[in-house]
């Protein structure tokens, strides 16, 4: 995967109706992180525990600013995930705005501003 966000997209693509709760998404991310394939990802070594960043990433991708992340997404950003509080699920929206290159740009912005 080109970025952590590409991995998240893959996780949602493998879920029924492209939706799941944060625990399921985190569990699936962890399975990938433990795989030999992951070690060759250019972004893998940039953080010691990507599983702990799943909620922050989802909040960023859903424009849930203030919930976990304290910075705004890139200008003109349209949410790629949606959180449904009533059913406690995140759903990947994407809508052809989620190519690996687009996700890489967003992931770099999120990761660079993560500790603000």
PDB file of N, CA and C in Angstrom:
ATOM      1  N   UNK A   1       0.842  -1.182   0.000  1.00  0.00           N
ATOM      2  CA  UNK A   1       0.000   0.000   0.000  1.00  0.00           C
ATOM      3  C   UNK A   1       0.882   1.238   0.000  1.00  0.00           C
ATOM      4  N   UNK A   2       0.495   2.216  -0.785  1.00  0.00           N
ATOM      5  CA  UNK A   2       1.290   3.419  -0.938  1.00  0.00           C
ATOM      6  C   UNK A   2       1.301   4.270   0.338  1.00  0.00           C
ATOM      7  N   UNK A   3       0.225   4.179   1.134  1.00  0.00           N
ATOM      8  CA  UNK A   3       0.134   4.966   2.365  1.00  0.00           C
ATOM      9  C   UNK A   3      -0.777   4.248   3.364  1.00  0.00           C
ATOM     10  N   UNK A   4      -0.748   4.744   4.585  1.00  0.00           N
ATOM     11  CA  UNK A   4      -1.635   4.218   5.625  1.00  0.00           C
ATOM     12  C   UNK A   4      -3.098   4.389   5.219  1.00  0.00           C
ATOM     13  N   UNK A   5      -3.413   5.498   4.552  1.00  0.00           N
ATOM     14  CA  UNK A   5      -4.789   5.726   4.111  1.00  0.00           C
ATOM     15  C   UNK A   5      -5.198   4.737   3.014  1.00  0.00           C
ATOM     16  N   UNK A   6      -4.259   4.333   2.172  1.00  0.00           N
ATOM     17  CA  UNK A   6      -4.559   3.296   1.171  1.00  0.00           C
ATOM     18  C   UNK A   6      -4.893   1.976   1.859  1.00  0.00           C
ATOM     19  N   UNK A   7      -4.194   1.688   2.940  1.00  0.00           N
ATOM     20  CA  UNK A   7      -4.513   0.488   3.721  1.00  0.00           C
ATOM     21  C   UNK A   7      -5.921   0.593   4.303  1.00  0.00           C
ATOM     22  N   UNK A   8      -6.270   1.750   4.844  1.00  0.00           N
ATOM     23  CA  UNK A   8      -7.616   1.928   5.398  1.00  0.00           C
ATOM     24  C   UNK A   8      -8.683   1.730   4.321  1.00  0.00           C
ATOM     25  N   UNK A   9      -8.439   2.273   3.137  1.00  0.00           N
ATOM     26  CA  UNK A   9      -9.388   2.073   2.042  1.00  0.00           C
ATOM     27  C   UNK A   9      -9.540   0.579   1.741  1.00  0.00           C
ATOM     28  N   UNK A  10      -8.429  -0.130   1.687  1.00  0.00           N
ATOM     29  CA  UNK A  10      -8.459  -1.570   1.429  1.00  0.00           C
ATOM     30  C   UNK A  10      -9.269  -2.301   2.506  1.00  0.00           C
ATOM     31  N   UNK A  11      -9.075  -1.914   3.746  1.00  0.00           N
ATOM     32  CA  UNK A  11      -9.825  -2.533   4.852  1.00  0.00           C
ATOM     33  C   UNK A  11     -11.319  -2.331   4.639  1.00  0.00           C
ATOM     34  N   UNK A  12     -11.719  -1.109   4.354  1.00  0.00           N
ATOM     35  CA  UNK A  12     -13.149  -0.841   4.138  1.00  0.00           C
ATOM     36  C   UNK A  12     -13.680  -1.563   2.906  1.00  0.00           C
ATOM     37  N   UNK A  13     -12.867  -1.659   1.865  1.00  0.00           N
ATOM     38  CA  UNK A  13     -13.293  -2.379   0.659  1.00  0.00           C
ATOM     39  C   UNK A  13     -13.573  -3.848   0.949  1.00  0.00           C
ATOM     40  N   UNK A  14     -12.901  -4.390   1.957  1.00  0.00           N
ATOM     41  CA  UNK A  14     -13.096  -5.805   2.280  1.00  0.00           C
ATOM     42  C   UNK A  14     -14.223  -6.041   3.293  1.00  0.00           C
ATOM     43  N   UNK A  15     -14.792  -4.968   3.821  1.00  0.00           N
ATOM     44  CA  UNK A  15     -15.895  -5.086   4.776  1.00  0.00           C
ATOM     45  C   UNK A  15     -17.241  -5.069   4.047  1.00  0.00           C
ATOM     46  N   UNK A  16     -18.213  -5.746   4.617  1.00  0.00           N
ATOM     47  CA  UNK A  16     -19.564  -5.761   4.074  1.00  0.00           C
ATOM     48  C   UNK A  16     -20.102  -4.337   4.009  1.00  0.00           C
ATOM     49  N   UNK A  17     -20.561  -3.922   2.842  1.00  0.00           N
ATOM     50  CA  UNK A  17     -21.106  -2.572   2.621  1.00  0.00           C
ATOM     51  C   UNK A  17     -20.085  -1.464   2.897  1.00  0.00           C
ATOM     52  N   UNK A  18     -18.810  -1.789   2.922  1.00  0.00           N
ATOM     53  CA  UNK A  18     -17.738  -0.807   3.135  1.00  0.00           C
ATOM     54  C   UNK A  18     -17.896  -0.079   4.468  1.00  0.00           C
ATOM     55  N   UNK A  19     -18.386  -0.782   5.485  1.00  0.00           N
ATOM     56  CA  UNK A  19     -18.545  -0.120   6.780  1.00  0.00           C
ATOM     57  C   UNK A  19     -18.187  -1.061   7.919  1.00  0.00           C
ATOM     58  N   UNK A  20     -17.766  -0.453   9.040  1.00  0.00           N
ATOM     59  CA  UNK A  20     -17.427  -1.224  10.221  1.00  0.00           C
ATOM     60  C   UNK A  20     -17.142  -0.307  11.387  1.00  0.00           C
ATOM     61  N   UNK A  21     -17.123  -0.875  12.579  1.00  0.00           N
ATOM     62  CA  UNK A  21     -16.805  -0.058  13.744  1.00  0.00           C
ATOM     63  C   UNK A  21     -15.291   0.078  13.871  1.00  0.00           C
ATOM     64  N   UNK A  22     -14.861   1.012  14.694  1.00  0.00           N
ATOM     65  CA  UNK A  22     -13.439   1.307  14.803  1.00  0.00           C
ATOM     66  C   UNK A  22     -12.655   0.095  15.298  1.00  0.00           C
ATOM     67  N   UNK A  23     -13.259  -0.738  16.126  1.00  0.00           N
ATOM     68  CA  UNK A  23     -12.556  -1.920  16.624  1.00  0.00           C
ATOM     69  C   UNK A  23     -12.273  -2.921  15.501  1.00  0.00           C
ATOM     70  N   UNK A  24     -13.237  -3.124  14.623  1.00  0.00           N
ATOM     71  CA  UNK A  24     -13.061  -4.043  13.499  1.00  0.00           C
ATOM     72  C   UNK A  24     -12.001  -3.508  12.541  1.00  0.00           C
ATOM     73  N   UNK A  25     -12.070  -2.221  12.233  1.00  0.00           N
ATOM     74  CA  UNK A  25     -11.093  -1.611  11.335  1.00  0.00           C
ATOM     75  C   UNK A  25      -9.696  -1.717  11.942  1.00  0.00           C
ATOM     76  N   UNK A  26      -9.567  -1.406  13.214  1.00  0.00           N
ATOM     77  CA  UNK A  26      -8.274  -1.493  13.899  1.00  0.00           C
ATOM     78  C   UNK A  26      -7.748  -2.918  13.890  1.00  0.00           C
ATOM     79  N   UNK A  27      -8.615  -3.877  14.137  1.00  0.00           N
ATOM     80  CA  UNK A  27      -8.225  -5.287  14.124  1.00  0.00           C
ATOM     81  C   UNK A  27      -7.675  -5.691  12.752  1.00  0.00           C
ATOM     82  N   UNK A  28      -8.340  -5.266  11.699  1.00  0.00           N
ATOM     83  CA  UNK A  28      -7.903  -5.616  10.351  1.00  0.00           C
ATOM     84  C   UNK A  28      -6.600  -4.905   9.982  1.00  0.00           C
ATOM     85  N   UNK A  29      -6.431  -3.680  10.444  1.00  0.00           N
ATOM     86  CA  UNK A  29      -5.174  -2.963  10.236  1.00  0.00           C
ATOM     87  C   UNK A  29      -4.045  -3.714  10.942  1.00  0.00           C
ATOM     88  N   UNK A  30      -4.298  -4.149  12.148  1.00  0.00           N
ATOM     89  CA  UNK A  30      -3.277  -4.861  12.924  1.00  0.00           C
ATOM     90  C   UNK A  30      -2.849  -6.152  12.229  1.00  0.00           C
ATOM     91  N   UNK A  31      -3.787  -6.863  11.654  1.00  0.00           N
ATOM     92  CA  UNK A  31      -3.450  -8.095  10.924  1.00  0.00           C
ATOM     93  C   UNK A  31      -2.469  -7.768   9.796  1.00  0.00           C
ATOM     94  N   UNK A  32      -2.732  -6.701   9.059  1.00  0.00           N
ATOM     95  CA  UNK A  32      -1.826  -6.323   7.984  1.00  0.00           C
ATOM     96  C   UNK A  32      -0.470  -5.901   8.541  1.00  0.00           C
ATOM     97  N   UNK A  33      -0.466  -5.134   9.623  1.00  0.00           N
ATOM     98  CA  UNK A  33       0.787  -4.644  10.198  1.00  0.00           C
ATOM     99  C   UNK A  33       1.689  -5.785  10.655  1.00  0.00           C
ATOM    100  N   UNK A  34       1.105  -6.901  10.983  1.00  0.00           N
ATOM    101  CA  UNK A  34       1.881  -8.063  11.427  1.00  0.00           C
ATOM    102  C   UNK A  34       2.328  -8.948  10.274  1.00  0.00           C
ATOM    103  N   UNK A  35       1.923  -8.621   9.063  1.00  0.00           N
ATOM    104  CA  UNK A  35       2.267  -9.432   7.899  1.00  0.00           C
ATOM    105  C   UNK A  35       3.654  -9.061   7.359  1.00  0.00           C
ATOM    106  N   UNK A  36       4.344 -10.008   6.759  1.00  0.00           N
ATOM    107  CA  UNK A  36       5.652  -9.711   6.160  1.00  0.00           C
ATOM    108  C   UNK A  36       5.548  -8.659   5.051  1.00  0.00           C
ATOM    109  N   UNK A  37       4.435  -8.644   4.335  1.00  0.00           N
ATOM    110  CA  UNK A  37       4.217  -7.675   3.255  1.00  0.00           C
ATOM    111  C   UNK A  37       4.307  -6.239   3.759  1.00  0.00           C
ATOM    112  N   UNK A  38       3.857  -6.005   4.955  1.00  0.00           N
ATOM    113  CA  UNK A  38       3.813  -4.655   5.508  1.00  0.00           C
ATOM    114  C   UNK A  38       5.207  -4.078   5.708  1.00  0.00           C
ATOM    115  N   UNK A  39       6.143  -4.893   6.078  1.00  0.00           N
ATOM    116  CA  UNK A  39       7.498  -4.420   6.368  1.00  0.00           C
ATOM    117  C   UNK A  39       8.128  -3.698   5.180  1.00  0.00           C
ATOM    118  N   UNK A  40       7.677  -4.001   3.975  1.00  0.00           N
ATOM    119  CA  UNK A  40       8.243  -3.355   2.788  1.00  0.00           C
ATOM    120  C   UNK A  40       7.541  -2.036   2.435  1.00  0.00           C
ATOM    121  N   UNK A  41       6.502  -1.686   3.171  1.00  0.00           N
ATOM    122  CA  UNK A  41       5.808  -0.419   2.924  1.00  0.00           C
ATOM    123  C   UNK A  41       6.698   0.741   3.360  1.00  0.00           C
ATOM    124  N   UNK A  42       6.800   1.750   2.518  1.00  0.00           N
ATOM    125  CA  UNK A  42       7.688   2.881   2.804  1.00  0.00           C
ATOM    126  C   UNK A  42       7.277   3.644   4.073  1.00  0.00           C
ATOM    127  N   UNK A  43       6.021   3.610   4.419  1.00  0.00           N
ATOM    128  CA  UNK A  43       5.525   4.373   5.564  1.00  0.00           C
ATOM    129  C   UNK A  43       5.568   3.593   6.877  1.00  0.00           C
ATOM    130  N   UNK A  44       5.769   2.291   6.813  1.00  0.00           N
ATOM    131  CA  UNK A  44       5.654   1.440   8.001  1.00  0.00           C
ATOM    132  C   UNK A  44       6.549   1.901   9.151  1.00  0.00           C
ATOM    133  N   UNK A  45       7.792   2.222   8.864  1.00  0.00           N
ATOM    134  CA  UNK A  45       8.744   2.587   9.912  1.00  0.00           C
ATOM    135  C   UNK A  45       8.612   4.000  10.453  1.00  0.00           C
ATOM    136  N   UNK A  46       7.667   4.765   9.947  1.00  0.00           N
ATOM    137  CA  UNK A  46       7.508   6.149  10.387  1.00  0.00           C
ATOM    138  C   UNK A  46       6.801   6.288  11.731  1.00  0.00           C
ATOM    139  N   UNK A  47       6.170   5.223  12.183  1.00  0.00           N
ATOM    140  CA  UNK A  47       5.465   5.250  13.472  1.00  0.00           C
ATOM    141  C   UNK A  47       5.546   3.872  14.107  1.00  0.00           C
ATOM    142  N   UNK A  48       5.587   3.842  15.424  1.00  0.00           N
ATOM    143  CA  UNK A  48       5.762   2.559  16.114  1.00  0.00           C
ATOM    144  C   UNK A  48       4.470   1.768  16.284  1.00  0.00           C
ATOM    145  N   UNK A  49       3.306   2.436  16.219  1.00  0.00           N
ATOM    146  CA  UNK A  49       2.059   1.713  16.422  1.00  0.00           C
ATOM    147  C   UNK A  49       0.932   2.343  15.605  1.00  0.00           C
ATOM    148  N   UNK A  50       0.840   1.963  14.351  1.00  0.00           N
ATOM    149  CA  UNK A  50      -0.174   2.516  13.451  1.00  0.00           C
ATOM    150  C   UNK A  50      -1.587   2.186  13.916  1.00  0.00           C
ATOM    151  N   UNK A  51      -1.775   1.080  14.580  1.00  0.00           N
ATOM    152  CA  UNK A  51      -3.119   0.706  15.055  1.00  0.00           C
ATOM    153  C   UNK A  51      -3.692   1.760  15.991  1.00  0.00           C
ATOM    154  N   UNK A  52      -2.825   2.387  16.770  1.00  0.00           N
ATOM    155  CA  UNK A  52      -3.290   3.430  17.686  1.00  0.00           C
ATOM    156  C   UNK A  52      -3.725   4.700  16.949  1.00  0.00           C
ATOM    157  N   UNK A  53      -3.413   4.799  15.670  1.00  0.00           N
ATOM    158  CA  UNK A  53      -3.735   5.995  14.905  1.00  0.00           C
ATOM    159  C   UNK A  53      -4.992   5.850  14.047  1.00  0.00           C
ATOM    160  N   UNK A  54      -5.624   4.695  14.100  1.00  0.00           N
ATOM    161  CA  UNK A  54      -6.789   4.448  13.241  1.00  0.00           C
ATOM    162  C   UNK A  54      -7.894   5.466  13.502  1.00  0.00           C
ATOM    163  N   UNK A  55      -8.261   5.683  14.749  1.00  0.00           N
ATOM    164  CA  UNK A  55      -9.352   6.611  15.050  1.00  0.00           C
ATOM    165  C   UNK A  55      -9.011   8.031  14.593  1.00  0.00           C
ATOM    166  N   UNK A  56      -7.793   8.474  14.845  1.00  0.00           N
ATOM    167  CA  UNK A  56      -7.380   9.800  14.400  1.00  0.00           C
ATOM    168  C   UNK A  56      -7.479   9.914  12.881  1.00  0.00           C
ATOM    169  N   UNK A  57      -7.029   8.885  12.170  1.00  0.00           N
ATOM    170  CA  UNK A  57      -7.083   8.888  10.705  1.00  0.00           C
ATOM    171  C   UNK A  57      -8.530   8.940  10.218  1.00  0.00           C
ATOM    172  N   UNK A  58      -9.390   8.158  10.835  1.00  0.00           N
ATOM    173  CA  UNK A  58     -10.801   8.156  10.432  1.00  0.00           C
ATOM    174  C   UNK A  58     -11.450   9.514  10.692  1.00  0.00           C
ATOM    175  N   UNK A  59     -11.132  10.114  11.831  1.00  0.00           N
ATOM    176  CA  UNK A  59     -11.680  11.443  12.130  1.00  0.00           C
ATOM    177  C   UNK A  59     -11.205  12.463  11.101  1.00  0.00           C
ATOM    178  N   UNK A  60      -9.949  12.376  10.710  1.00  0.00           N
ATOM    179  CA  UNK A  60      -9.432  13.279   9.678  1.00  0.00           C
ATOM    180  C   UNK A  60     -10.149  13.038   8.354  1.00  0.00           C
ATOM    181  N   UNK A  61     -10.236  11.786   7.936  1.00  0.00           N
ATOM    182  CA  UNK A  61     -10.873  11.459   6.657  1.00  0.00           C
ATOM    183  C   UNK A  61     -12.361  11.795   6.645  1.00  0.00           C
ATOM    184  N   UNK A  62     -12.962  11.876   7.819  1.00  0.00           N
ATOM    185  CA  UNK A  62     -14.376  12.215   7.925  1.00  0.00           C
ATOM    186  C   UNK A  62     -14.627  13.662   8.289  1.00  0.00           C
ATOM    187  N   UNK A  63     -13.566  14.462   8.334  1.00  0.00           N
ATOM    188  CA  UNK A  63     -13.678  15.879   8.727  1.00  0.00           C
ATOM    189  C   UNK A  63     -14.281  16.045  10.107  1.00  0.00           C
ATOM    190  N   UNK A  64     -13.989  15.110  10.969  1.00  0.00           N
ATOM    191  CA  UNK A  64     -14.465  15.193  12.354  1.00  0.00           C
ATOM    192  C   UNK A  64     -13.447  15.962  13.179  1.00  0.00           C
ATOM    193  N   UNK A  65     -13.089  17.159  12.734  1.00  0.00           N
ATOM    194  CA  UNK A  65     -12.066  17.966  13.377  1.00  0.00           C
ATOM    195  C   UNK A  65     -12.518  18.337  14.778  1.00  0.00           C
ATOM    196  N   UNK A  66     -11.608  18.214  15.710  1.00  0.00           N
ATOM    197  CA  UNK A  66     -11.904  18.515  17.095  1.00  0.00           C
ATOM    198  C   UNK A  66     -12.183  17.268  17.895  1.00  0.00           C
ATOM    199  N   UNK A  67     -12.656  16.207  17.237  1.00  0.00           N
ATOM    200  CA  UNK A  67     -12.918  14.961  17.951  1.00  0.00           C
ATOM    201  C   UNK A  67     -11.607  14.341  18.403  1.00  0.00           C
ATOM    202  N   UNK A  68     -10.678  14.212  17.502  1.00  0.00           N
ATOM    203  CA  UNK A  68      -9.362  13.656  17.828  1.00  0.00           C
ATOM    204  C   UNK A  68      -8.269  14.541  17.256  1.00  0.00           C
ATOM    205  N   UNK A  69      -8.439  14.976  16.021  1.00  0.00           N
ATOM    206  CA  UNK A  69      -7.410  15.801  15.388  1.00  0.00           C
ATOM    207  C   UNK A  69      -7.691  17.268  15.658  1.00  0.00           C
ATOM    208  N   UNK A  70      -6.635  18.027  15.836  1.00  0.00           N
ATOM    209  CA  UNK A  70      -6.804  19.448  16.177  1.00  0.00           C
ATOM    210  C   UNK A  70      -6.427  20.356  15.015  1.00  0.00           C
ATOM    211  N   UNK A  71      -6.450  19.850  13.806  1.00  0.00           N
ATOM    212  CA  UNK A  71      -6.105  20.642  12.636  1.00  0.00           C
ATOM    213  C   UNK A  71      -7.090  20.344  11.517  1.00  0.00           C
ATOM    214  N   UNK A  72      -7.179  21.262  10.604  1.00  0.00           N
ATOM    215  CA  UNK A  72      -8.112  21.111   9.488  1.00  0.00           C
ATOM    216  C   UNK A  72      -7.488  20.311   8.359  1.00  0.00           C
ATOM    217  N   UNK A  73      -8.305  19.583   7.621  1.00  0.00           N
ATOM    218  CA  UNK A  73      -7.803  18.897   6.430  1.00  0.00           C
ATOM    219  C   UNK A  73      -7.408  19.901   5.355  1.00  0.00           C
ATOM    220  N   UNK A  74      -6.875  19.404   4.279  1.00  0.00           N
ATOM    221  CA  UNK A  74      -6.460  20.276   3.172  1.00  0.00           C
ATOM    222  C   UNK A  74      -7.674  21.045   2.653  1.00  0.00           C
ATOM    223  N   UNK A  75      -7.444  22.235   2.052  1.00  0.00           N
ATOM    224  CA  UNK A  75      -8.571  23.030   1.528  1.00  0.00           C
ATOM    225  C   UNK A  75      -9.402  22.251   0.499  1.00  0.00           C
ATOM    226  N   UNK A  76     -10.673  22.499   0.497  1.00  0.00           N
ATOM    227  CA  UNK A  76     -11.625  21.895  -0.448  1.00  0.00           C
ATOM    228  C   UNK A  76     -11.746  20.382  -0.276  1.00  0.00           C
ATOM    229  N   UNK A  77     -11.395  19.897   0.891  1.00  0.00           N
ATOM    230  CA  UNK A  77     -11.459  18.469   1.156  1.00  0.00           C
ATOM    231  C   UNK A  77     -12.910  18.030   1.323  1.00  0.00           C
ATOM    232  N   UNK A  78     -13.247  16.932   0.697  1.00  0.00           N
ATOM    233  CA  UNK A  78     -14.570  16.328   0.830  1.00  0.00           C
ATOM    234  C   UNK A  78     -14.378  15.029   1.611  1.00  0.00           C
ATOM    235  N   UNK A  79     -15.151  14.802   2.673  1.00  0.00           N
ATOM    236  CA  UNK A  79     -14.965  13.606   3.502  1.00  0.00           C
ATOM    237  C   UNK A  79     -14.985  12.308   2.685  1.00  0.00           C
ATOM    238  N   UNK A  80     -14.084  11.404   3.070  1.00  0.00           N
ATOM    239  CA  UNK A  80     -14.009  10.095   2.429  1.00  0.00           C
ATOM    240  C   UNK A  80     -14.648   9.003   3.271  1.00  0.00           C
ATOM    241  N   UNK A  81     -14.909   9.309   4.536  1.00  0.00           N
ATOM    242  CA  UNK A  81     -15.618   8.375   5.414  1.00  0.00           C
ATOM    243  C   UNK A  81     -16.726   9.131   6.125  1.00  0.00           C
ATOM    244  N   UNK A  82     -17.688   8.379   6.589  1.00  0.00           N
ATOM    245  CA  UNK A  82     -18.815   8.959   7.313  1.00  0.00           C
ATOM    246  C   UNK A  82     -19.015   8.154   8.584  1.00  0.00           C
ATOM    247  N   UNK A  83     -19.234   8.847   9.695  1.00  0.00           N
ATOM    248  CA  UNK A  83     -19.487   8.168  10.964  1.00  0.00           C
ATOM    249  C   UNK A  83     -20.968   8.254  11.295  1.00  0.00           C
ATOM    250  N   UNK A  84     -21.557   7.110  11.565  1.00  0.00           N
ATOM    251  CA  UNK A  84     -22.962   7.039  11.975  1.00  0.00           C
ATOM    252  C   UNK A  84     -23.010   6.686  13.458  1.00  0.00           C
ATOM    253  N   UNK A  85     -23.246   7.714  14.252  1.00  0.00           N
ATOM    254  CA  UNK A  85     -23.236   7.550  15.704  1.00  0.00           C
ATOM    255  C   UNK A  85     -24.284   6.551  16.178  1.00  0.00           C
ATOM    256  N   UNK A  86     -25.446   6.608  15.564  1.00  0.00           N
ATOM    257  CA  UNK A  86     -26.549   5.749  15.995  1.00  0.00           C
ATOM    258  C   UNK A  86     -26.191   4.262  15.911  1.00  0.00           C
ATOM    259  N   UNK A  87     -25.436   3.903  14.867  1.00  0.00           N
ATOM    260  CA  UNK A  87     -25.059   2.499  14.709  1.00  0.00           C
ATOM    261  C   UNK A  87     -23.570   2.264  14.988  1.00  0.00           C
ATOM    262  N   UNK A  88     -22.865   3.334  15.389  1.00  0.00           N
ATOM    263  CA  UNK A  88     -21.455   3.248  15.759  1.00  0.00           C
ATOM    264  C   UNK A  88     -20.604   2.614  14.663  1.00  0.00           C
ATOM    265  N   UNK A  89     -20.802   3.060  13.426  1.00  0.00           N
ATOM    266  CA  UNK A  89     -20.055   2.536  12.298  1.00  0.00           C
ATOM    267  C   UNK A  89     -19.473   3.657  11.439  1.00  0.00           C
ATOM    268  N   UNK A  90     -18.320   3.369  10.882  1.00  0.00           N
ATOM    269  CA  UNK A  90     -17.704   4.221   9.876  1.00  0.00           C
ATOM    270  C   UNK A  90     -17.975   3.589   8.524  1.00  0.00           C
ATOM    271  N   UNK A  91     -18.205   4.412   7.515  1.00  0.00           N
ATOM    272  CA  UNK A  91     -18.436   3.917   6.166  1.00  0.00           C
ATOM    273  C   UNK A  91     -17.527   4.670   5.200  1.00  0.00           C
ATOM    274  N   UNK A  92     -16.845   3.905   4.338  1.00  0.00           N
ATOM    275  CA  UNK A  92     -15.992   4.522   3.321  1.00  0.00           C
ATOM    276  C   UNK A  92     -16.868   5.049   2.193  1.00  0.00           C
ATOM    277  N   UNK A  93     -16.712   6.325   1.874  1.00  0.00           N
ATOM    278  CA  UNK A  93     -17.493   6.947   0.810  1.00  0.00           C
ATOM    279  C   UNK A  93     -16.695   7.014  -0.491  1.00  0.00           C
ATOM    280  N   UNK A  94     -15.488   7.511  -0.394  1.00  0.00           N
ATOM    281  CA  UNK A  94     -14.581   7.563  -1.534  1.00  0.00           C
ATOM    282  C   UNK A  94     -15.088   8.323  -2.735  1.00  0.00           C
ATOM    283  N   UNK A  95     -16.023   7.740  -3.453  1.00  0.00           N
ATOM    284  CA  UNK A  95     -16.629   8.376  -4.624  1.00  0.00           C
ATOM    285  C   UNK A  95     -15.605   8.899  -5.628  1.00  0.00           C
ATOM    286  N   UNK A  96     -14.657   8.071  -5.965  1.00  0.00           N
ATOM    287  CA  UNK A  96     -13.652   8.367  -6.998  1.00  0.00           C
ATOM    288  C   UNK A  96     -12.751   9.540  -6.646  1.00  0.00           C
ATOM    289  N   UNK A  97     -12.673   9.872  -5.370  1.00  0.00           N
ATOM    290  CA  UNK A  97     -11.736  10.886  -4.897  1.00  0.00           C
ATOM    291  C   UNK A  97     -10.689  10.227  -4.008  1.00  0.00           C
ATOM    292  N   UNK A  98     -10.497   8.924  -4.216  1.00  0.00           N
ATOM    293  CA  UNK A  98      -9.641   8.193  -3.288  1.00  0.00           C
ATOM    294  C   UNK A  98      -8.595   7.328  -3.999  1.00  0.00           C
ATOM    295  N   UNK A  99      -7.969   7.891  -5.032  1.00  0.00           N
ATOM    296  CA  UNK A  99      -6.877   7.178  -5.685  1.00  0.00           C
ATOM    297  C   UNK A  99      -5.699   7.095  -4.708  1.00  0.00           C
ATOM    298  N   UNK A 100      -4.767   6.212  -4.985  1.00  0.00           N
ATOM    299  CA  UNK A 100      -3.601   6.084  -4.111  1.00  0.00           C
ATOM    300  C   UNK A 100      -2.833   7.395  -4.002  1.00  0.00           C
ATOM    301  N   UNK A 101      -2.732   8.131  -5.092  1.00  0.00           N
ATOM    302  CA  UNK A 101      -2.018   9.421  -5.066  1.00  0.00           C
ATOM    303  C   UNK A 101      -2.768  10.423  -4.191  1.00  0.00           C
ATOM    304  N   UNK A 102      -4.082  10.514  -4.361  1.00  0.00           N
ATOM    305  CA  UNK A 102      -4.877  11.435  -3.531  1.00  0.00           C
ATOM    306  C   UNK A 102      -4.797  11.047  -2.061  1.00  0.00           C
ATOM    307  N   UNK A 103      -4.849   9.758  -1.781  1.00  0.00           N
ATOM    308  CA  UNK A 103      -4.756   9.301  -0.400  1.00  0.00           C
ATOM    309  C   UNK A 103      -3.374   9.564   0.183  1.00  0.00           C
ATOM    310  N   UNK A 104      -2.340   9.446  -0.638  1.00  0.00           N
ATOM    311  CA  UNK A 104      -0.981   9.728  -0.173  1.00  0.00           C
ATOM    312  C   UNK A 104      -0.836  11.191   0.237  1.00  0.00           C
ATOM    313  N   UNK A 105      -1.357  12.101  -0.565  1.00  0.00           N
ATOM    314  CA  UNK A 105      -1.297  13.529  -0.246  1.00  0.00           C
ATOM    315  C   UNK A 105      -2.028  13.801   1.077  1.00  0.00           C
ATOM    316  N   UNK A 106      -3.213  13.253   1.217  1.00  0.00           N
ATOM    317  CA  UNK A 106      -3.977  13.444   2.454  1.00  0.00           C
ATOM    318  C   UNK A 106      -3.270  12.817   3.649  1.00  0.00           C
ATOM    319  N   UNK A 107      -2.735  11.629   3.458  1.00  0.00           N
ATOM    320  CA  UNK A 107      -2.050  10.941   4.548  1.00  0.00           C
ATOM    321  C   UNK A 107      -0.821  11.735   4.995  1.00  0.00           C
ATOM    322  N   UNK A 108      -0.069  12.267   4.052  1.00  0.00           N
ATOM    323  CA  UNK A 108       1.102  13.069   4.406  1.00  0.00           C
ATOM    324  C   UNK A 108       0.702  14.311   5.188  1.00  0.00           C
ATOM    325  N   UNK A 109      -0.378  14.963   4.782  1.00  0.00           N
ATOM    326  CA  UNK A 109      -0.855  16.148   5.507  1.00  0.00           C
ATOM    327  C   UNK A 109      -1.279  15.768   6.921  1.00  0.00           C
ATOM    328  N   UNK A 110      -2.047  14.708   7.050  1.00  0.00           N
ATOM    329  CA  UNK A 110      -2.498  14.243   8.365  1.00  0.00           C
ATOM    330  C   UNK A 110      -1.312  13.883   9.249  1.00  0.00           C
ATOM    331  N   UNK A 111      -0.396  13.078   8.715  1.00  0.00           N
ATOM    332  CA  UNK A 111       0.718  12.581   9.521  1.00  0.00           C
ATOM    333  C   UNK A 111       1.659  13.722   9.935  1.00  0.00           C
ATOM    334  N   UNK A 112       1.894  14.674   9.035  1.00  0.00           N
ATOM    335  CA  UNK A 112       2.765  15.811   9.335  1.00  0.00           C
ATOM    336  C   UNK A 112       2.189  16.666  10.455  1.00  0.00           C
ATOM    337  N   UNK A 113       0.875  16.768  10.514  1.00  0.00           N
ATOM    338  CA  UNK A 113       0.206  17.611  11.516  1.00  0.00           C
ATOM    339  C   UNK A 113      -0.295  16.841  12.729  1.00  0.00           C
ATOM    340  N   UNK A 114       0.018  15.577  12.798  1.00  0.00           N
ATOM    341  CA  UNK A 114      -0.543  14.687  13.814  1.00  0.00           C
ATOM    342  C   UNK A 114      -0.324  15.163  15.243  1.00  0.00           C
ATOM    343  N   UNK A 115       0.824  15.671  15.553  1.00  0.00           N
ATOM    344  CA  UNK A 115       1.143  16.021  16.938  1.00  0.00           C
ATOM    345  C   UNK A 115       0.898  17.483  17.283  1.00  0.00           C
ATOM    346  N   UNK A 116       0.084  18.146  16.492  1.00  0.00           N
ATOM    347  CA  UNK A 116      -0.256  19.540  16.801  1.00  0.00           C
ATOM    348  C   UNK A 116      -1.189  19.622  17.956  1.00  0.00           C
TER     349      UNK A 116
END
